[in-house]
Amino acid sequence: MAELKCIDEQTAELSGDLLHGTVTDVIVPGRELITAAGSQWTVDMQGVGQVSSSGVALVLEWLRAAETANCTLRIRHLPDHMRPIIDISDLEPLFAPLLT
């Protein structure tokens, strides 16, 4: 199960496993928080456990939502075990600017 907890208007904490069956729980809440955030939204991923390509797809979906809302997306504590998926997918140029 994945969970997205709003910390304040511009910050949220993502926790749990980001797998095919769990990311759907947080896609829409993330979009809604991005829309309400204004110019910047930060998601802290320190509490994330297992990650599959679905977790990468989730972040890409939120990046699209942020661009549509003219909002800058920032990521704190990207899980180390997510990086190989990003690298093999040639997504490093998209993810590098997001990392804080």
N, C-alpha and C. Protein backbone atom coordinates (compact mmCIF):
# COMPACT_ATOMS: atom_id res chain seq x y z
N MET A 1 0.84 -1.18 0.00
CA MET A 1 0.00 0.00 0.00
C MET A 1 0.89 1.25 0.00
N ALA A 2 0.54 2.21 -0.81
CA ALA A 2 1.23 3.49 -0.85
C ALA A 2 0.34 4.53 -0.18
N GLU A 3 0.98 5.48 0.49
CA GLU A 3 0.23 6.53 1.17
C GLU A 3 0.90 7.87 0.92
N LEU A 4 0.09 8.88 0.66
CA LEU A 4 0.58 10.23 0.45
C LEU A 4 -0.01 11.11 1.54
N LYS A 5 0.85 11.70 2.35
CA LYS A 5 0.41 12.51 3.48
C LYS A 5 0.81 13.96 3.24
N CYS A 6 -0.17 14.85 3.28
CA CYS A 6 0.08 16.28 3.10
C CYS A 6 0.69 16.83 4.39
N ILE A 7 1.86 17.45 4.27
CA ILE A 7 2.54 18.07 5.41
C ILE A 7 2.15 19.54 5.51
N ASP A 8 2.20 20.23 4.42
CA ASP A 8 1.71 21.60 4.32
C ASP A 8 1.32 21.83 2.86
N GLU A 9 0.97 23.04 2.51
CA GLU A 9 0.45 23.33 1.17
C GLU A 9 1.41 22.94 0.06
N GLN A 10 2.71 22.95 0.33
CA GLN A 10 3.69 22.69 -0.71
C GLN A 10 4.56 21.45 -0.47
N THR A 11 4.20 20.64 0.53
CA THR A 11 5.03 19.49 0.86
C THR A 11 4.17 18.29 1.22
N ALA A 12 4.59 17.11 0.75
CA ALA A 12 3.92 15.86 1.10
C ALA A 12 4.96 14.78 1.33
N GLU A 13 4.55 13.76 2.08
CA GLU A 13 5.40 12.60 2.32
C GLU A 13 4.76 11.38 1.66
N LEU A 14 5.55 10.68 0.86
CA LEU A 14 5.10 9.47 0.20
C LEU A 14 5.73 8.29 0.92
N SER A 15 4.91 7.29 1.26
CA SER A 15 5.44 6.12 1.95
C SER A 15 4.78 4.85 1.43
N GLY A 16 5.37 3.72 1.79
CA GLY A 16 4.85 2.42 1.36
C GLY A 16 5.57 1.93 0.11
N ASP A 17 5.01 0.89 -0.48
CA ASP A 17 5.58 0.29 -1.68
C ASP A 17 4.98 0.91 -2.93
N LEU A 18 5.81 1.19 -3.92
CA LEU A 18 5.35 1.77 -5.19
C LEU A 18 5.40 0.69 -6.25
N LEU A 19 4.34 -0.10 -6.28
CA LEU A 19 4.22 -1.23 -7.20
C LEU A 19 2.97 -1.06 -8.04
N HIS A 20 2.80 -1.92 -9.03
CA HIS A 20 1.67 -1.83 -9.96
C HIS A 20 0.33 -1.72 -9.22
N GLY A 21 0.15 -2.48 -8.18
CA GLY A 21 -1.12 -2.49 -7.47
C GLY A 21 -1.28 -1.43 -6.40
N THR A 22 -0.25 -0.62 -6.16
CA THR A 22 -0.33 0.35 -5.07
C THR A 22 -0.27 1.81 -5.52
N VAL A 23 0.35 2.09 -6.64
CA VAL A 23 0.53 3.50 -7.04
C VAL A 23 -0.80 4.17 -7.39
N THR A 24 -1.78 3.38 -7.79
CA THR A 24 -3.08 3.96 -8.15
C THR A 24 -3.73 4.67 -6.97
N ASP A 25 -3.37 4.27 -5.74
CA ASP A 25 -3.93 4.91 -4.55
C ASP A 25 -3.49 6.35 -4.38
N VAL A 26 -2.37 6.72 -4.98
CA VAL A 26 -1.81 8.05 -4.72
C VAL A 26 -1.70 8.94 -5.96
N ILE A 27 -2.07 8.43 -7.13
CA ILE A 27 -1.96 9.25 -8.35
C ILE A 27 -2.83 10.50 -8.24
N VAL A 28 -4.12 10.32 -8.03
CA VAL A 28 -5.05 11.45 -8.00
C VAL A 28 -4.79 12.37 -6.81
N PRO A 29 -4.60 11.85 -5.59
CA PRO A 29 -4.28 12.76 -4.49
C PRO A 29 -3.03 13.61 -4.76
N GLY A 30 -2.04 13.03 -5.41
CA GLY A 30 -0.85 13.79 -5.77
C GLY A 30 -1.15 14.90 -6.75
N ARG A 31 -1.95 14.58 -7.77
CA ARG A 31 -2.34 15.62 -8.74
C ARG A 31 -3.07 16.76 -8.04
N GLU A 32 -3.97 16.41 -7.14
CA GLU A 32 -4.74 17.44 -6.43
C GLU A 32 -3.84 18.33 -5.57
N LEU A 33 -2.87 17.73 -4.90
CA LEU A 33 -1.94 18.51 -4.09
C LEU A 33 -1.07 19.42 -4.96
N ILE A 34 -0.66 18.91 -6.11
CA ILE A 34 0.14 19.72 -7.04
C ILE A 34 -0.66 20.93 -7.51
N THR A 35 -1.91 20.71 -7.88
CA THR A 35 -2.76 21.80 -8.35
C THR A 35 -2.94 22.86 -7.28
N ALA A 36 -3.07 22.44 -6.03
CA ALA A 36 -3.29 23.38 -4.92
C ALA A 36 -2.01 24.04 -4.42
N ALA A 37 -0.85 23.51 -4.80
CA ALA A 37 0.42 23.96 -4.24
C ALA A 37 0.87 25.33 -4.70
N GLY A 38 0.47 25.74 -5.86
CA GLY A 38 0.96 27.01 -6.38
C GLY A 38 2.20 26.81 -7.22
N SER A 39 3.29 27.50 -6.89
CA SER A 39 4.46 27.50 -7.76
C SER A 39 5.42 26.33 -7.54
N GLN A 40 5.34 25.66 -6.37
CA GLN A 40 6.28 24.56 -6.11
C GLN A 40 5.63 23.52 -5.20
N TRP A 41 5.94 22.24 -5.48
CA TRP A 41 5.47 21.13 -4.64
C TRP A 41 6.62 20.17 -4.44
N THR A 42 6.87 19.77 -3.20
CA THR A 42 7.94 18.85 -2.86
C THR A 42 7.35 17.58 -2.27
N VAL A 43 7.82 16.45 -2.75
CA VAL A 43 7.42 15.16 -2.19
C VAL A 43 8.65 14.49 -1.59
N ASP A 44 8.52 14.10 -0.33
CA ASP A 44 9.59 13.42 0.39
C ASP A 44 9.33 11.92 0.29
N MET A 45 10.29 11.19 -0.28
CA MET A 45 10.12 9.76 -0.53
C MET A 45 10.90 8.90 0.46
N GLN A 46 11.29 9.46 1.59
CA GLN A 46 12.09 8.73 2.56
C GLN A 46 11.39 7.47 3.07
N GLY A 47 10.07 7.48 3.14
CA GLY A 47 9.33 6.34 3.66
C GLY A 47 8.96 5.29 2.63
N VAL A 48 9.48 5.42 1.42
CA VAL A 48 9.14 4.47 0.35
C VAL A 48 9.92 3.17 0.54
N GLY A 49 9.22 2.05 0.38
CA GLY A 49 9.84 0.73 0.49
C GLY A 49 10.21 0.19 -0.88
N GLN A 50 9.53 -0.85 -1.31
CA GLN A 50 9.81 -1.45 -2.61
C GLN A 50 9.37 -0.52 -3.73
N VAL A 51 10.09 -0.60 -4.85
CA VAL A 51 9.78 0.24 -6.00
C VAL A 51 9.89 -0.60 -7.27
N SER A 52 8.92 -0.43 -8.16
CA SER A 52 9.00 -1.03 -9.50
C SER A 52 8.93 0.12 -10.50
N SER A 53 8.86 -0.23 -11.76
CA SER A 53 8.73 0.80 -12.80
C SER A 53 7.45 1.61 -12.61
N SER A 54 6.48 1.06 -11.91
CA SER A 54 5.25 1.80 -11.62
C SER A 54 5.52 3.03 -10.76
N GLY A 55 6.50 2.93 -9.87
CA GLY A 55 6.88 4.08 -9.06
C GLY A 55 7.49 5.19 -9.90
N VAL A 56 8.29 4.81 -10.88
CA VAL A 56 8.87 5.78 -11.80
C VAL A 56 7.75 6.42 -12.63
N ALA A 57 6.81 5.61 -13.09
CA ALA A 57 5.67 6.13 -13.86
C ALA A 57 4.84 7.10 -13.03
N LEU A 58 4.70 6.83 -11.75
CA LEU A 58 3.98 7.73 -10.85
C LEU A 58 4.64 9.11 -10.82
N VAL A 59 5.94 9.13 -10.64
CA VAL A 59 6.66 10.42 -10.60
C VAL A 59 6.54 11.13 -11.94
N LEU A 60 6.62 10.39 -13.04
CA LEU A 60 6.46 11.02 -14.36
C LEU A 60 5.07 11.61 -14.52
N GLU A 61 4.05 10.93 -14.02
CA GLU A 61 2.69 11.46 -14.08
C GLU A 61 2.58 12.74 -13.27
N TRP A 62 3.18 12.75 -12.09
CA TRP A 62 3.16 13.96 -11.28
C TRP A 62 3.96 15.08 -11.93
N LEU A 63 5.02 14.75 -12.64
CA LEU A 63 5.80 15.76 -13.36
C LEU A 63 4.94 16.40 -14.44
N ARG A 64 4.18 15.58 -15.17
CA ARG A 64 3.27 16.11 -16.19
C ARG A 64 2.23 17.04 -15.55
N ALA A 65 1.66 16.59 -14.43
CA ALA A 65 0.66 17.40 -13.74
C ALA A 65 1.26 18.72 -13.27
N ALA A 66 2.48 18.68 -12.78
CA ALA A 66 3.15 19.90 -12.32
C ALA A 66 3.40 20.86 -13.48
N GLU A 67 3.85 20.33 -14.61
CA GLU A 67 4.08 21.18 -15.78
C GLU A 67 2.78 21.82 -16.25
N THR A 68 1.70 21.06 -16.24
CA THR A 68 0.39 21.59 -16.64
C THR A 68 -0.05 22.71 -15.69
N ALA A 69 0.24 22.55 -14.40
CA ALA A 69 -0.15 23.53 -13.39
C ALA A 69 0.88 24.65 -13.23
N ASN A 70 1.92 24.64 -14.07
CA ASN A 70 3.01 25.62 -13.97
C ASN A 70 3.61 25.62 -12.56
N CYS A 71 3.86 24.41 -12.08
CA CYS A 71 4.37 24.18 -10.73
C CYS A 71 5.70 23.42 -10.84
N THR A 72 6.67 23.79 -10.03
CA THR A 72 7.94 23.09 -10.00
C THR A 72 7.85 21.90 -9.04
N LEU A 73 8.15 20.71 -9.54
CA LEU A 73 8.15 19.50 -8.72
C LEU A 73 9.55 19.26 -8.18
N ARG A 74 9.64 18.98 -6.89
CA ARG A 74 10.91 18.65 -6.24
C ARG A 74 10.75 17.31 -5.53
N ILE A 75 11.82 16.53 -5.51
CA ILE A 75 11.82 15.23 -4.83
C ILE A 75 12.93 15.21 -3.80
N ARG A 76 12.56 14.85 -2.58
CA ARG A 76 13.54 14.64 -1.51
C ARG A 76 13.66 13.14 -1.27
N HIS A 77 14.85 12.69 -1.03
CA HIS A 77 15.12 11.30 -0.64
C HIS A 77 14.62 10.29 -1.67
N LEU A 78 14.98 10.48 -2.92
CA LEU A 78 14.65 9.49 -3.95
C LEU A 78 15.30 8.17 -3.53
N PRO A 79 14.53 7.08 -3.46
CA PRO A 79 15.12 5.80 -3.04
C PRO A 79 16.25 5.36 -3.97
N ASP A 80 17.35 4.92 -3.38
CA ASP A 80 18.49 4.46 -4.18
C ASP A 80 18.11 3.34 -5.13
N HIS A 81 17.20 2.46 -4.70
CA HIS A 81 16.82 1.33 -5.55
C HIS A 81 15.87 1.74 -6.69
N MET A 82 15.53 3.01 -6.77
CA MET A 82 14.74 3.52 -7.89
C MET A 82 15.66 3.99 -9.03
N ARG A 83 16.88 4.33 -8.68
CA ARG A 83 17.82 4.88 -9.67
C ARG A 83 18.15 3.93 -10.82
N PRO A 84 18.33 2.63 -10.60
CA PRO A 84 18.60 1.75 -11.75
C PRO A 84 17.47 1.75 -12.79
N ILE A 85 16.24 1.84 -12.32
CA ILE A 85 15.10 1.89 -13.25
C ILE A 85 15.16 3.18 -14.06
N ILE A 86 15.47 4.28 -13.39
CA ILE A 86 15.58 5.58 -14.06
C ILE A 86 16.72 5.55 -15.07
N ASP A 87 17.86 4.99 -14.68
CA ASP A 87 19.03 4.93 -15.56
C ASP A 87 18.78 4.08 -16.79
N ILE A 88 18.24 2.88 -16.60
CA ILE A 88 18.04 1.97 -17.74
C ILE A 88 16.97 2.51 -18.69
N SER A 89 16.10 3.37 -18.18
CA SER A 89 15.04 3.97 -19.01
C SER A 89 15.48 5.28 -19.64
N ASP A 90 16.74 5.67 -19.43
CA ASP A 90 17.27 6.95 -19.93
C ASP A 90 16.45 8.15 -19.45
N LEU A 91 16.02 8.11 -18.21
CA LEU A 91 15.22 9.19 -17.66
C LEU A 91 16.01 10.12 -16.73
N GLU A 92 17.30 9.87 -16.59
CA GLU A 92 18.13 10.70 -15.72
C GLU A 92 18.01 12.19 -16.05
N PRO A 93 17.99 12.60 -17.33
CA PRO A 93 17.85 14.03 -17.62
C PRO A 93 16.54 14.64 -17.11
N LEU A 94 15.49 13.84 -17.02
CA LEU A 94 14.22 14.34 -16.49
C LEU A 94 14.23 14.41 -14.96
N PHE A 95 14.87 13.42 -14.33
CA PHE A 95 14.84 13.33 -12.88
C PHE A 95 15.87 14.23 -12.20
N ALA A 96 17.02 14.43 -12.80
CA ALA A 96 18.10 15.20 -12.16
C ALA A 96 17.64 16.58 -11.66
N PRO A 97 16.90 17.36 -12.45
CA PRO A 97 16.49 18.68 -11.96
C PRO A 97 15.48 18.62 -10.81
N LEU A 98 14.84 17.48 -10.60
CA LEU A 98 13.81 17.37 -9.56
C LEU A 98 14.38 17.12 -8.18
N LEU A 99 15.60 16.59 -8.12
CA LEU A 99 16.17 16.13 -6.86
C LEU A 99 16.70 17.27 -6.02
N THR A 100 16.34 17.25 -4.73
CA THR A 100 16.82 18.28 -3.80
C THR A 100 17.67 17.65 -2.72
